[in-house]
Each structure stands twice: as structure tokens, then as C-alpha cells.
Amino acid sequence: MSYKRTVPTVYAVVFPDLHILKVGYSGGQRWRNFVARGAEVLELIEFDDTEEAHAFEGSTHQYLRSRLGPGFRSANDAEPHLGIGGGGWGETYLVPHGINPRQVLAEMSVAK
């Protein structure tokens, strides 16, 4: 499935029933694939250039990896939620029950 090209965007979506947060980069509204599979959009952060977006995405993953465990064990486990091949499964994080994923993102903003 492909979507209209957009400005460089870092997205955060959550699969609420799984308590899994997915963060990634897209220049083509990739988050819509996840929404079609049950995710909810938490944040869409647009950037002027790809390099700036990738740098932000990298620091976001670094922060999340230091605080949360992996969302999926493998691409196979992720495939029903992320699509064919489970691409991006390593960019998912398990949010503990009782913690709101928006809270995790807000704490990240304060920590930076």
C-alpha cells in the first residue's frame, strides 16, 4: 500500500490492545498502514529535511530502548500488526500496563 509523498515525518503509534509503541520515519504516510491494523496515532512530527528527521528518530529510539523492552520478539510475531515481513519490528517497544504511552513520549521530551 503506498500513500502520497509527504514531508519527512517521525511518527509514534500505539497498538493499545498489545501495549506496543512503534516509532519510525516516513516520507509517505507509512503510519496509515498501522492504523489500518488497529494502531492509534500518538504523534506526527514533521521536519524540513530528511537528515533532521532521521537524527530525531535515532535519538528517540535510543531513549526508548534505555527505558522499555522490545515490543515484538521477531518479524514473524510482528507481521500481523506491521504488515508483510514485519518490517520495523525492531522499532517497537512494550509499554508496561498502567503507563500511558503518551506519558512515555512526554517524559522523553522533558529528558532531552
PDB file of N, CA and C in Angstrom:
ATOM      1  N   MET A   1       0.855  -1.167   0.000  1.00  0.00           N
ATOM      2  CA  MET A   1       0.000   0.000   0.000  1.00  0.00           C
ATOM      3  C   MET A   1       0.899   1.227   0.000  1.00  0.00           C
ATOM      4  N   SER A   2       0.684   2.144  -0.896  1.00  0.00           N
ATOM      5  CA  SER A   2       1.504   3.351  -0.878  1.00  0.00           C
ATOM      6  C   SER A   2       0.601   4.573  -0.752  1.00  0.00           C
ATOM      7  N   TYR A   3       1.167   5.599  -0.161  1.00  0.00           N
ATOM      8  CA  TYR A   3       0.424   6.826   0.087  1.00  0.00           C
ATOM      9  C   TYR A   3       1.172   7.996  -0.514  1.00  0.00           C
ATOM     10  N   LYS A   4       0.475   9.104  -0.601  1.00  0.00           N
ATOM     11  CA  LYS A   4       1.043  10.332  -1.125  1.00  0.00           C
ATOM     12  C   LYS A   4       2.317  10.698  -0.366  1.00  0.00           C
ATOM     13  N   ARG A   5       3.305  11.121  -1.104  1.00  0.00           N
ATOM     14  CA  ARG A   5       4.571  11.563  -0.521  1.00  0.00           C
ATOM     15  C   ARG A   5       4.305  12.769   0.383  1.00  0.00           C
ATOM     16  N   THR A   6       4.932  12.784   1.534  1.00  0.00           N
ATOM     17  CA  THR A   6       4.773  13.889   2.475  1.00  0.00           C
ATOM     18  C   THR A   6       6.145  14.407   2.879  1.00  0.00           C
ATOM     19  N   VAL A   7       6.145  15.417   3.699  1.00  0.00           N
ATOM     20  CA  VAL A   7       7.403  15.922   4.236  1.00  0.00           C
ATOM     21  C   VAL A   7       7.981  14.855   5.168  1.00  0.00           C
ATOM     22  N   PRO A   8       9.287  14.884   5.426  1.00  0.00           N
ATOM     23  CA  PRO A   8       9.881  13.914   6.354  1.00  0.00           C
ATOM     24  C   PRO A   8       9.164  13.970   7.708  1.00  0.00           C
ATOM     25  N   THR A   9       8.702  12.830   8.160  1.00  0.00           N
ATOM     26  CA  THR A   9       7.886  12.769   9.375  1.00  0.00           C
ATOM     27  C   THR A   9       8.347  11.631  10.273  1.00  0.00           C
ATOM     28  N   VAL A  10       8.453  11.917  11.558  1.00  0.00           N
ATOM     29  CA  VAL A  10       8.658  10.876  12.560  1.00  0.00           C
ATOM     30  C   VAL A  10       7.293  10.666  13.220  1.00  0.00           C
ATOM     31  N   TYR A  11       6.868   9.412  13.242  1.00  0.00           N
ATOM     32  CA  TYR A  11       5.552   9.087  13.785  1.00  0.00           C
ATOM     33  C   TYR A  11       5.696   8.211  15.016  1.00  0.00           C
ATOM     34  N   ALA A  12       4.691   8.283  15.869  1.00  0.00           N
ATOM     35  CA  ALA A  12       4.571   7.371  17.009  1.00  0.00           C
ATOM     36  C   ALA A  12       3.141   6.864  16.999  1.00  0.00           C
ATOM     37  N   VAL A  13       3.005   5.545  16.948  1.00  0.00           N
ATOM     38  CA  VAL A  13       1.689   4.918  17.014  1.00  0.00           C
ATOM     39  C   VAL A  13       1.716   3.902  18.140  1.00  0.00           C
ATOM     40  N   VAL A  14       0.541   3.586  18.641  1.00  0.00           N
ATOM     41  CA  VAL A  14       0.433   2.567  19.681  1.00  0.00           C
ATOM     42  C   VAL A  14      -0.629   1.558  19.266  1.00  0.00           C
ATOM     43  N   PHE A  15      -0.327   0.298  19.538  1.00  0.00           N
ATOM     44  CA  PHE A  15      -1.305  -0.768  19.397  1.00  0.00           C
ATOM     45  C   PHE A  15      -1.870  -0.979  20.801  1.00  0.00           C
ATOM     46  N   PRO A  16      -3.007  -0.345  21.113  1.00  0.00           N
ATOM     47  CA  PRO A  16      -3.472  -0.291  22.500  1.00  0.00           C
ATOM     48  C   PRO A  16      -3.729  -1.654  23.140  1.00  0.00           C
ATOM     49  N   ASP A  17      -4.245  -2.604  22.381  1.00  0.00           N
ATOM     50  CA  ASP A  17      -4.531  -3.914  22.965  1.00  0.00           C
ATOM     51  C   ASP A  17      -3.263  -4.681  23.322  1.00  0.00           C
ATOM     52  N   LEU A  18      -2.165  -4.338  22.666  1.00  0.00           N
ATOM     53  CA  LEU A  18      -0.890  -5.020  22.894  1.00  0.00           C
ATOM     54  C   LEU A  18       0.051  -4.233  23.805  1.00  0.00           C
ATOM     55  N   HIS A  19      -0.264  -2.962  24.034  1.00  0.00           N
ATOM     56  CA  HIS A  19       0.611  -2.049  24.788  1.00  0.00           C
ATOM     57  C   HIS A  19       1.952  -1.895  24.084  1.00  0.00           C
ATOM     58  N   ILE A  20       1.917  -1.856  22.765  1.00  0.00           N
ATOM     59  CA  ILE A  20       3.144  -1.734  21.981  1.00  0.00           C
ATOM     60  C   ILE A  20       3.183  -0.392  21.271  1.00  0.00           C
ATOM     61  N   LEU A  21       4.295   0.299  21.459  1.00  0.00           N
ATOM     62  CA  LEU A  21       4.564   1.593  20.847  1.00  0.00           C
ATOM     63  C   LEU A  21       5.497   1.382  19.668  1.00  0.00           C
ATOM     64  N   LYS A  22       5.187   2.007  18.551  1.00  0.00           N
ATOM     65  CA  LYS A  22       6.027   1.920  17.342  1.00  0.00           C
ATOM     66  C   LYS A  22       6.402   3.340  16.960  1.00  0.00           C
ATOM     67  N   VAL A  23       7.686   3.565  16.765  1.00  0.00           N
ATOM     68  CA  VAL A  23       8.189   4.870  16.335  1.00  0.00           C
ATOM     69  C   VAL A  23       8.982   4.654  15.059  1.00  0.00           C
ATOM     70  N   GLY A  24       8.809   5.535  14.098  1.00  0.00           N
ATOM     71  CA  GLY A  24       9.544   5.391  12.857  1.00  0.00           C
ATOM     72  C   GLY A  24       9.570   6.663  12.043  1.00  0.00           C
ATOM     73  N   TYR A  25      10.286   6.575  10.937  1.00  0.00           N
ATOM     74  CA  TYR A  25      10.404   7.679   9.982  1.00  0.00           C
ATOM     75  C   TYR A  25       9.594   7.317   8.742  1.00  0.00           C
ATOM     76  N   SER A  26       8.976   8.322   8.140  1.00  0.00           N
ATOM     77  CA  SER A  26       8.272   8.094   6.883  1.00  0.00           C
ATOM     78  C   SER A  26       8.259   9.361   6.051  1.00  0.00           C
ATOM     79  N   GLY A  27       8.380   9.163   4.764  1.00  0.00           N
ATOM     80  CA  GLY A  27       8.185  10.254   3.815  1.00  0.00           C
ATOM     81  C   GLY A  27       6.925  10.006   3.003  1.00  0.00           C
ATOM     82  N   GLY A  28       6.120   9.024   3.442  1.00  0.00           N
ATOM     83  CA  GLY A  28       4.941   8.661   2.668  1.00  0.00           C
ATOM     84  C   GLY A  28       3.786   8.121   3.487  1.00  0.00           C
ATOM     85  N   GLN A  29       3.575   8.656   4.656  1.00  0.00           N
ATOM     86  CA  GLN A  29       2.426   8.323   5.498  1.00  0.00           C
ATOM     87  C   GLN A  29       2.364   6.843   5.887  1.00  0.00           C
ATOM     88  N   ARG A  30       3.494   6.222   6.148  1.00  0.00           N
ATOM     89  CA  ARG A  30       3.541   4.797   6.490  1.00  0.00           C
ATOM     90  C   ARG A  30       2.677   4.446   7.696  1.00  0.00           C
ATOM     91  N   TRP A  31       2.497   5.368   8.613  1.00  0.00           N
ATOM     92  CA  TRP A  31       1.714   5.114   9.815  1.00  0.00           C
ATOM     93  C   TRP A  31       0.287   4.686   9.480  1.00  0.00           C
ATOM     94  N   ARG A  32      -0.200   5.066   8.302  1.00  0.00           N
ATOM     95  CA  ARG A  32      -1.565   4.688   7.926  1.00  0.00           C
ATOM     96  C   ARG A  32      -1.701   3.169   7.788  1.00  0.00           C
ATOM     97  N   ASN A  33      -0.637   2.477   7.401  1.00  0.00           N
ATOM     98  CA  ASN A  33      -0.665   1.010   7.358  1.00  0.00           C
ATOM     99  C   ASN A  33      -0.929   0.433   8.744  1.00  0.00           C
ATOM    100  N   PHE A  34      -0.345   1.035   9.764  1.00  0.00           N
ATOM    101  CA  PHE A  34      -0.503   0.539  11.125  1.00  0.00           C
ATOM    102  C   PHE A  34      -1.897   0.860  11.662  1.00  0.00           C
ATOM    103  N   VAL A  35      -2.395   2.036  11.329  1.00  0.00           N
ATOM    104  CA  VAL A  35      -3.748   2.408  11.744  1.00  0.00           C
ATOM    105  C   VAL A  35      -4.761   1.415  11.161  1.00  0.00           C
ATOM    106  N   ALA A  36      -4.553   1.001   9.919  1.00  0.00           N
ATOM    107  CA  ALA A  36      -5.442   0.019   9.288  1.00  0.00           C
ATOM    108  C   ALA A  36      -5.395  -1.326  10.014  1.00  0.00           C
ATOM    109  N   ARG A  37      -4.339  -1.545  10.809  1.00  0.00           N
ATOM    110  CA  ARG A  37      -4.196  -2.805  11.549  1.00  0.00           C
ATOM    111  C   ARG A  37      -4.464  -2.622  13.041  1.00  0.00           C
ATOM    112  N   GLY A  38      -5.095  -1.516  13.417  1.00  0.00           N
ATOM    113  CA  GLY A  38      -5.521  -1.333  14.798  1.00  0.00           C
ATOM    114  C   GLY A  38      -4.731  -0.362  15.639  1.00  0.00           C
ATOM    115  N   ALA A  39      -3.712   0.271  15.079  1.00  0.00           N
ATOM    116  CA  ALA A  39      -2.912   1.234  15.855  1.00  0.00           C
ATOM    117  C   ALA A  39      -3.623   2.583  15.935  1.00  0.00           C
ATOM    118  N   GLU A  40      -3.228   3.359  16.915  1.00  0.00           N
ATOM    119  CA  GLU A  40      -3.696   4.744  17.069  1.00  0.00           C
ATOM    120  C   GLU A  40      -2.491   5.663  16.949  1.00  0.00           C
ATOM    121  N   VAL A  41      -2.648   6.750  16.216  1.00  0.00           N
ATOM    122  CA  VAL A  41      -1.564   7.724  16.065  1.00  0.00           C
ATOM    123  C   VAL A  41      -1.444   8.545  17.345  1.00  0.00           C
ATOM    124  N   LEU A  42      -0.222   8.609  17.883  1.00  0.00           N
ATOM    125  CA  LEU A  42       0.051   9.441  19.059  1.00  0.00           C
ATOM    126  C   LEU A  42       0.689  10.759  18.660  1.00  0.00           C
ATOM    127  N   GLU A  43       1.646  10.701  17.737  1.00  0.00           N
ATOM    128  CA  GLU A  43       2.383  11.898  17.323  1.00  0.00           C
ATOM    129  C   GLU A  43       2.773  11.792  15.860  1.00  0.00           C
ATOM    130  N   LEU A  44       2.722  12.911  15.173  1.00  0.00           N
ATOM    131  CA  LEU A  44       3.282  13.072  13.832  1.00  0.00           C
ATOM    132  C   LEU A  44       4.110  14.343  13.890  1.00  0.00           C
ATOM    133  N   ILE A  45       5.423  14.196  13.783  1.00  0.00           N
ATOM    134  CA  ILE A  45       6.320  15.346  13.896  1.00  0.00           C
ATOM    135  C   ILE A  45       6.980  15.556  12.539  1.00  0.00           C
ATOM    136  N   GLU A  46       6.677  16.680  11.915  1.00  0.00           N
ATOM    137  CA  GLU A  46       7.197  16.975  10.579  1.00  0.00           C
ATOM    138  C   GLU A  46       8.504  17.754  10.664  1.00  0.00           C
ATOM    139  N   PHE A  47       9.387  17.470   9.693  1.00  0.00           N
ATOM    140  CA  PHE A  47      10.696  18.112   9.639  1.00  0.00           C
ATOM    141  C   PHE A  47      10.915  18.734   8.269  1.00  0.00           C
ATOM    142  N   ASP A  48      11.824  19.691   8.212  1.00  0.00           N
ATOM    143  CA  ASP A  48      12.151  20.342   6.944  1.00  0.00           C
ATOM    144  C   ASP A  48      13.018  19.470   6.050  1.00  0.00           C
ATOM    145  N   ASP A  49      13.836  18.608   6.672  1.00  0.00           N
ATOM    146  CA  ASP A  49      14.694  17.755   5.845  1.00  0.00           C
ATOM    147  C   ASP A  49      14.823  16.360   6.452  1.00  0.00           C
ATOM    148  N   THR A  50      15.199  15.423   5.610  1.00  0.00           N
ATOM    149  CA  THR A  50      15.312  14.023   5.983  1.00  0.00           C
ATOM    150  C   THR A  50      16.370  13.799   7.053  1.00  0.00           C
ATOM    151  N   GLU A  51      17.497  14.461   6.925  1.00  0.00           N
ATOM    152  CA  GLU A  51      18.593  14.275   7.880  1.00  0.00           C
ATOM    153  C   GLU A  51      18.161  14.636   9.295  1.00  0.00           C
ATOM    154  N   GLU A  52      17.470  15.747   9.439  1.00  0.00           N
ATOM    155  CA  GLU A  52      16.983  16.180  10.743  1.00  0.00           C
ATOM    156  C   GLU A  52      15.972  15.170  11.306  1.00  0.00           C
ATOM    157  N   ALA A  53      15.103  14.667  10.451  1.00  0.00           N
ATOM    158  CA  ALA A  53      14.107  13.678  10.885  1.00  0.00           C
ATOM    159  C   ALA A  53      14.781  12.389  11.340  1.00  0.00           C
ATOM    160  N   HIS A  54      15.762  11.916  10.578  1.00  0.00           N
ATOM    161  CA  HIS A  54      16.473  10.687  10.952  1.00  0.00           C
ATOM    162  C   HIS A  54      17.249  10.863  12.253  1.00  0.00           C
ATOM    163  N   ALA A  55      17.833  12.011  12.459  1.00  0.00           N
ATOM    164  CA  ALA A  55      18.562  12.272  13.706  1.00  0.00           C
ATOM    165  C   ALA A  55      17.610  12.237  14.900  1.00  0.00           C
ATOM    166  N   PHE A  56      16.449  12.855  14.742  1.00  0.00           N
ATOM    167  CA  PHE A  56      15.452  12.852  15.816  1.00  0.00           C
ATOM    168  C   PHE A  56      14.957  11.426  16.070  1.00  0.00           C
ATOM    169  N   GLU A  57      14.673  10.694  14.996  1.00  0.00           N
ATOM    170  CA  GLU A  57      14.217   9.315  15.152  1.00  0.00           C
ATOM    171  C   GLU A  57      15.273   8.489  15.901  1.00  0.00           C
ATOM    172  N   GLY A  58      16.529   8.642  15.539  1.00  0.00           N
ATOM    173  CA  GLY A  58      17.598   7.896  16.195  1.00  0.00           C
ATOM    174  C   GLY A  58      17.690   8.186  17.683  1.00  0.00           C
ATOM    175  N   SER A  59      17.592   9.445  18.050  1.00  0.00           N
ATOM    176  CA  SER A  59      17.667   9.786  19.475  1.00  0.00           C
ATOM    177  C   SER A  59      16.422   9.298  20.217  1.00  0.00           C
ATOM    178  N   THR A  60      15.294   9.270  19.532  1.00  0.00           N
ATOM    179  CA  THR A  60      14.068   8.745  20.134  1.00  0.00           C
ATOM    180  C   THR A  60      14.214   7.256  20.430  1.00  0.00           C
ATOM    181  N   HIS A  61      14.737   6.503  19.468  1.00  0.00           N
ATOM    182  CA  HIS A  61      14.945   5.073  19.692  1.00  0.00           C
ATOM    183  C   HIS A  61      15.947   4.839  20.815  1.00  0.00           C
ATOM    184  N   GLN A  62      16.994   5.617  20.855  1.00  0.00           N
ATOM    185  CA  GLN A  62      17.991   5.470  21.919  1.00  0.00           C
ATOM    186  C   GLN A  62      17.330   5.656  23.287  1.00  0.00           C
ATOM    187  N   TYR A  63      16.506   6.678  23.408  1.00  0.00           N
ATOM    188  CA  TYR A  63      15.814   6.941  24.668  1.00  0.00           C
ATOM    189  C   TYR A  63      14.870   5.789  25.023  1.00  0.00           C
ATOM    190  N   LEU A  64      14.053   5.378  24.060  1.00  0.00           N
ATOM    191  CA  LEU A  64      13.060   4.339  24.331  1.00  0.00           C
ATOM    192  C   LEU A  64      13.720   2.998  24.662  1.00  0.00           C
ATOM    193  N   ARG A  65      14.795   2.649  23.973  1.00  0.00           N
ATOM    194  CA  ARG A  65      15.498   1.386  24.249  1.00  0.00           C
ATOM    195  C   ARG A  65      16.089   1.365  25.657  1.00  0.00           C
ATOM    196  N   SER A  66      16.427   2.542  26.165  1.00  0.00           N
ATOM    197  CA  SER A  66      17.002   2.605  27.511  1.00  0.00           C
ATOM    198  C   SER A  66      15.941   2.464  28.604  1.00  0.00           C
ATOM    199  N   ARG A  67      14.671   2.544  28.218  1.00  0.00           N
ATOM    200  CA  ARG A  67      13.605   2.526  29.219  1.00  0.00           C
ATOM    201  C   ARG A  67      12.554   1.439  29.033  1.00  0.00           C
ATOM    202  N   LEU A  68      12.422   0.926  27.820  1.00  0.00           N
ATOM    203  CA  LEU A  68      11.373  -0.054  27.537  1.00  0.00           C
ATOM    204  C   LEU A  68      11.969  -1.283  26.854  1.00  0.00           C
ATOM    205  N   GLY A  69      11.310  -2.407  27.028  1.00  0.00           N
ATOM    206  CA  GLY A  69      11.726  -3.623  26.343  1.00  0.00           C
ATOM    207  C   GLY A  69      11.167  -3.672  24.936  1.00  0.00           C
ATOM    208  N   PRO A  70      11.611  -4.660  24.166  1.00  0.00           N
ATOM    209  CA  PRO A  70      11.127  -4.783  22.786  1.00  0.00           C
ATOM    210  C   PRO A  70       9.645  -5.138  22.735  1.00  0.00           C
ATOM    211  N   GLY A  71       8.986  -4.614  21.701  1.00  0.00           N
ATOM    212  CA  GLY A  71       7.563  -4.877  21.541  1.00  0.00           C
ATOM    213  C   GLY A  71       7.279  -6.255  20.974  1.00  0.00           C
ATOM    214  N   PHE A  72       8.101  -6.695  20.036  1.00  0.00           N
ATOM    215  CA  PHE A  72       7.939  -8.000  19.411  1.00  0.00           C
ATOM    216  C   PHE A  72       9.252  -8.759  19.502  1.00  0.00           C
ATOM    217  N   ARG A  73       9.169 -10.083  19.530  1.00  0.00           N
ATOM    218  CA  ARG A  73      10.371 -10.924  19.607  1.00  0.00           C
ATOM    219  C   ARG A  73      10.998 -11.142  18.238  1.00  0.00           C
ATOM    220  N   SER A  74      10.187 -10.996  17.183  1.00  0.00           N
ATOM    221  CA  SER A  74      10.691 -11.273  15.841  1.00  0.00           C
ATOM    222  C   SER A  74       9.801 -10.615  14.797  1.00  0.00           C
ATOM    223  N   ALA A  75      10.284 -10.602  13.564  1.00  0.00           N
ATOM    224  CA  ALA A  75       9.480 -10.085  12.456  1.00  0.00           C
ATOM    225  C   ALA A  75       8.226 -10.925  12.268  1.00  0.00           C
ATOM    226  N   ASN A  76       8.334 -12.227  12.463  1.00  0.00           N
ATOM    227  CA  ASN A  76       7.156 -13.101  12.341  1.00  0.00           C
ATOM    228  C   ASN A  76       6.069 -12.719  13.332  1.00  0.00           C
ATOM    229  N   ASP A  77       6.459 -12.461  14.583  1.00  0.00           N
ATOM    230  CA  ASP A  77       5.487 -12.055  15.601  1.00  0.00           C
ATOM    231  C   ASP A  77       4.828 -10.724  15.249  1.00  0.00           C
ATOM    232  N   ALA A  78       5.577  -9.858  14.610  1.00  0.00           N
ATOM    233  CA  ALA A  78       5.094  -8.514  14.296  1.00  0.00           C
ATOM    234  C   ALA A  78       4.251  -8.449  13.029  1.00  0.00           C
ATOM    235  N   GLU A  79       4.422  -9.407  12.159  1.00  0.00           N
ATOM    236  CA  GLU A  79       3.808  -9.330  10.833  1.00  0.00           C
ATOM    237  C   GLU A  79       2.305  -9.047  10.832  1.00  0.00           C
ATOM    238  N   PRO A  80       1.498  -9.664  11.690  1.00  0.00           N
ATOM    239  CA  PRO A  80       0.060  -9.355  11.658  1.00  0.00           C
ATOM    240  C   PRO A  80      -0.256  -7.883  11.961  1.00  0.00           C
ATOM    241  N   HIS A  81       0.661  -7.224  12.644  1.00  0.00           N
ATOM    242  CA  HIS A  81       0.415  -5.838  13.072  1.00  0.00           C
ATOM    243  C   HIS A  81       1.147  -4.819  12.213  1.00  0.00           C
ATOM    244  N   LEU A  82       2.322  -5.198  11.707  1.00  0.00           N
ATOM    245  CA  LEU A  82       3.135  -4.255  10.937  1.00  0.00           C
ATOM    246  C   LEU A  82       3.062  -4.494   9.436  1.00  0.00           C
ATOM    247  N   GLY A  83       2.543  -5.625   9.038  1.00  0.00           N
ATOM    248  CA  GLY A  83       2.408  -5.907   7.616  1.00  0.00           C
ATOM    249  C   GLY A  83       3.410  -6.928   7.130  1.00  0.00           C
ATOM    250  N   ILE A  84       3.404  -7.160   5.838  1.00  0.00           N
ATOM    251  CA  ILE A  84       4.216  -8.190   5.206  1.00  0.00           C
ATOM    252  C   ILE A  84       5.674  -8.085   5.633  1.00  0.00           C
ATOM    253  N   GLY A  85       6.195  -9.172   6.150  1.00  0.00           N
ATOM    254  CA  GLY A  85       7.589  -9.214   6.570  1.00  0.00           C
ATOM    255  C   GLY A  85       7.843  -8.659   7.957  1.00  0.00           C
ATOM    256  N   GLY A  86       6.848  -8.025   8.577  1.00  0.00           N
ATOM    257  CA  GLY A  86       7.034  -7.470   9.923  1.00  0.00           C
ATOM    258  C   GLY A  86       8.064  -6.367   9.980  1.00  0.00           C
ATOM    259  N   GLY A  87       8.260  -5.661   8.851  1.00  0.00           N
ATOM    260  CA  GLY A  87       9.263  -4.594   8.780  1.00  0.00           C
ATOM    261  C   GLY A  87       9.088  -3.552   9.865  1.00  0.00           C
ATOM    262  N   GLY A  88      10.188  -3.197  10.507  1.00  0.00           N
ATOM    263  CA  GLY A  88      10.170  -2.197  11.571  1.00  0.00           C
ATOM    264  C   GLY A  88       9.917  -2.785  12.944  1.00  0.00           C
ATOM    265  N   TRP A  89       9.923  -4.108  13.052  1.00  0.00           N
ATOM    266  CA  TRP A  89       9.626  -4.722  14.348  1.00  0.00           C
ATOM    267  C   TRP A  89      10.644  -4.340  15.418  1.00  0.00           C
ATOM    268  N   GLY A  90      11.863  -4.022  15.017  1.00  0.00           N
ATOM    269  CA  GLY A  90      12.886  -3.608  15.976  1.00  0.00           C
ATOM    270  C   GLY A  90      12.712  -2.189  16.478  1.00  0.00           C
ATOM    271  N   GLU A  91      11.736  -1.496  15.936  1.00  0.00           N
ATOM    272  CA  GLU A  91      11.426  -0.120  16.353  1.00  0.00           C
ATOM    273  C   GLU A  91      10.142  -0.091  17.170  1.00  0.00           C
ATOM    274  N   THR A  92       9.856  -1.213  17.846  1.00  0.00           N
ATOM    275  CA  THR A  92       8.664  -1.302  18.684  1.00  0.00           C
ATOM    276  C   THR A  92       9.078  -1.521  20.130  1.00  0.00           C
ATOM    277  N   TYR A  93       8.237  -1.066  21.045  1.00  0.00           N
ATOM    278  CA  TYR A  93       8.559  -1.101  22.466  1.00  0.00           C
ATOM    279  C   TYR A  93       7.326  -1.505  23.268  1.00  0.00           C
ATOM    280  N   LEU A  94       7.530  -2.343  24.255  1.00  0.00           N
ATOM    281  CA  LEU A  94       6.453  -2.774  25.130  1.00  0.00           C
ATOM    282  C   LEU A  94       6.289  -1.746  26.249  1.00  0.00           C
ATOM    283  N   VAL A  95       5.117  -1.149  26.317  1.00  0.00           N
ATOM    284  CA  VAL A  95       4.821  -0.169  27.361  1.00  0.00           C
ATOM    285  C   VAL A  95       4.147  -0.920  28.511  1.00  0.00           C
ATOM    286  N   PRO A  96       4.709  -0.857  29.707  1.00  0.00           N
ATOM    287  CA  PRO A  96       4.123  -1.580  30.836  1.00  0.00           C
ATOM    288  C   PRO A  96       2.666  -1.167  31.089  1.00  0.00           C
ATOM    289  N   HIS A  97       1.865  -2.143  31.507  1.00  0.00           N
ATOM    290  CA  HIS A  97       0.470  -1.854  31.859  1.00  0.00           C
ATOM    291  C   HIS A  97       0.453  -0.777  32.937  1.00  0.00           C
ATOM    292  N   GLY A  98      -0.510   0.106  32.860  1.00  0.00           N
ATOM    293  CA  GLY A  98      -0.635   1.182  33.830  1.00  0.00           C
ATOM    294  C   GLY A  98       0.113   2.449  33.430  1.00  0.00           C
ATOM    295  N   ILE A  99       0.919   2.366  32.375  1.00  0.00           N
ATOM    296  CA  ILE A  99       1.634   3.544  31.888  1.00  0.00           C
ATOM    297  C   ILE A  99       1.058   3.932  30.535  1.00  0.00           C
ATOM    298  N   ASN A 100       0.702   5.177  30.414  1.00  0.00           N
ATOM    299  CA  ASN A 100       0.145   5.685  29.169  1.00  0.00           C
ATOM    300  C   ASN A 100       1.289   5.969  28.196  1.00  0.00           C
ATOM    301  N   PRO A 101       1.216   5.447  26.968  1.00  0.00           N
ATOM    302  CA  PRO A 101       2.290   5.702  26.001  1.00  0.00           C
ATOM    303  C   PRO A 101       2.543   7.188  25.759  1.00  0.00           C
ATOM    304  N   ARG A 102       1.509   8.002  25.854  1.00  0.00           N
ATOM    305  CA  ARG A 102       1.708   9.459  25.709  1.00  0.00           C
ATOM    306  C   ARG A 102       2.593   9.989  26.824  1.00  0.00           C
ATOM    307  N   GLN A 103       2.462   9.403  28.008  1.00  0.00           N
ATOM    308  CA  GLN A 103       3.297   9.790  29.139  1.00  0.00           C
ATOM    309  C   GLN A 103       4.769   9.489  28.848  1.00  0.00           C
ATOM    310  N   VAL A 104       5.027   8.343  28.230  1.00  0.00           N
ATOM    311  CA  VAL A 104       6.404   7.973  27.873  1.00  0.00           C
ATOM    312  C   VAL A 104       6.985   9.010  26.914  1.00  0.00           C
ATOM    313  N   LEU A 105       6.202   9.399  25.907  1.00  0.00           N
ATOM    314  CA  LEU A 105       6.671  10.393  24.944  1.00  0.00           C
ATOM    315  C   LEU A 105       6.878  11.751  25.596  1.00  0.00           C
ATOM    316  N   ALA A 106       5.986  12.122  26.504  1.00  0.00           N
ATOM    317  CA  ALA A 106       6.132  13.409  27.207  1.00  0.00           C
ATOM    318  C   ALA A 106       7.389  13.415  28.072  1.00  0.00           C
ATOM    319  N   GLU A 107       7.659  12.305  28.760  1.00  0.00           N
ATOM    320  CA  GLU A 107       8.856  12.200  29.598  1.00  0.00           C
ATOM    321  C   GLU A 107      10.112  12.300  28.734  1.00  0.00           C
ATOM    322  N   MET A 108      10.047  11.733  27.536  1.00  0.00           N
ATOM    323  CA  MET A 108      11.184  11.791  26.626  1.00  0.00           C
ATOM    324  C   MET A 108      11.471  13.241  26.239  1.00  0.00           C
ATOM    325  N   SER A 109      10.427  14.005  25.992  1.00  0.00           N
ATOM    326  CA  SER A 109      10.597  15.412  25.613  1.00  0.00           C
ATOM    327  C   SER A 109      11.242  16.206  26.730  1.00  0.00           C
ATOM    328  N   VAL A 110      10.871  15.911  27.967  1.00  0.00           N
ATOM    329  CA  VAL A 110      11.426  16.611  29.125  1.00  0.00           C
ATOM    330  C   VAL A 110      12.879  16.199  29.334  1.00  0.00           C
ATOM    331  N   ALA A 111      13.192  14.923  29.109  1.00  0.00           N
ATOM    332  CA  ALA A 111      14.538  14.403  29.355  1.00  0.00           C
ATOM    333  C   ALA A 111      15.569  14.957  28.363  1.00  0.00           C
ATOM    334  N   LYS A 112      15.141  15.356  27.182  1.00  0.00           N
ATOM    335  CA  LYS A 112      16.091  15.812  26.167  1.00  0.00           C
ATOM    336  C   LYS A 112      16.515  17.230  26.399  1.00  0.00           C
TER     337      LYS A 112
END
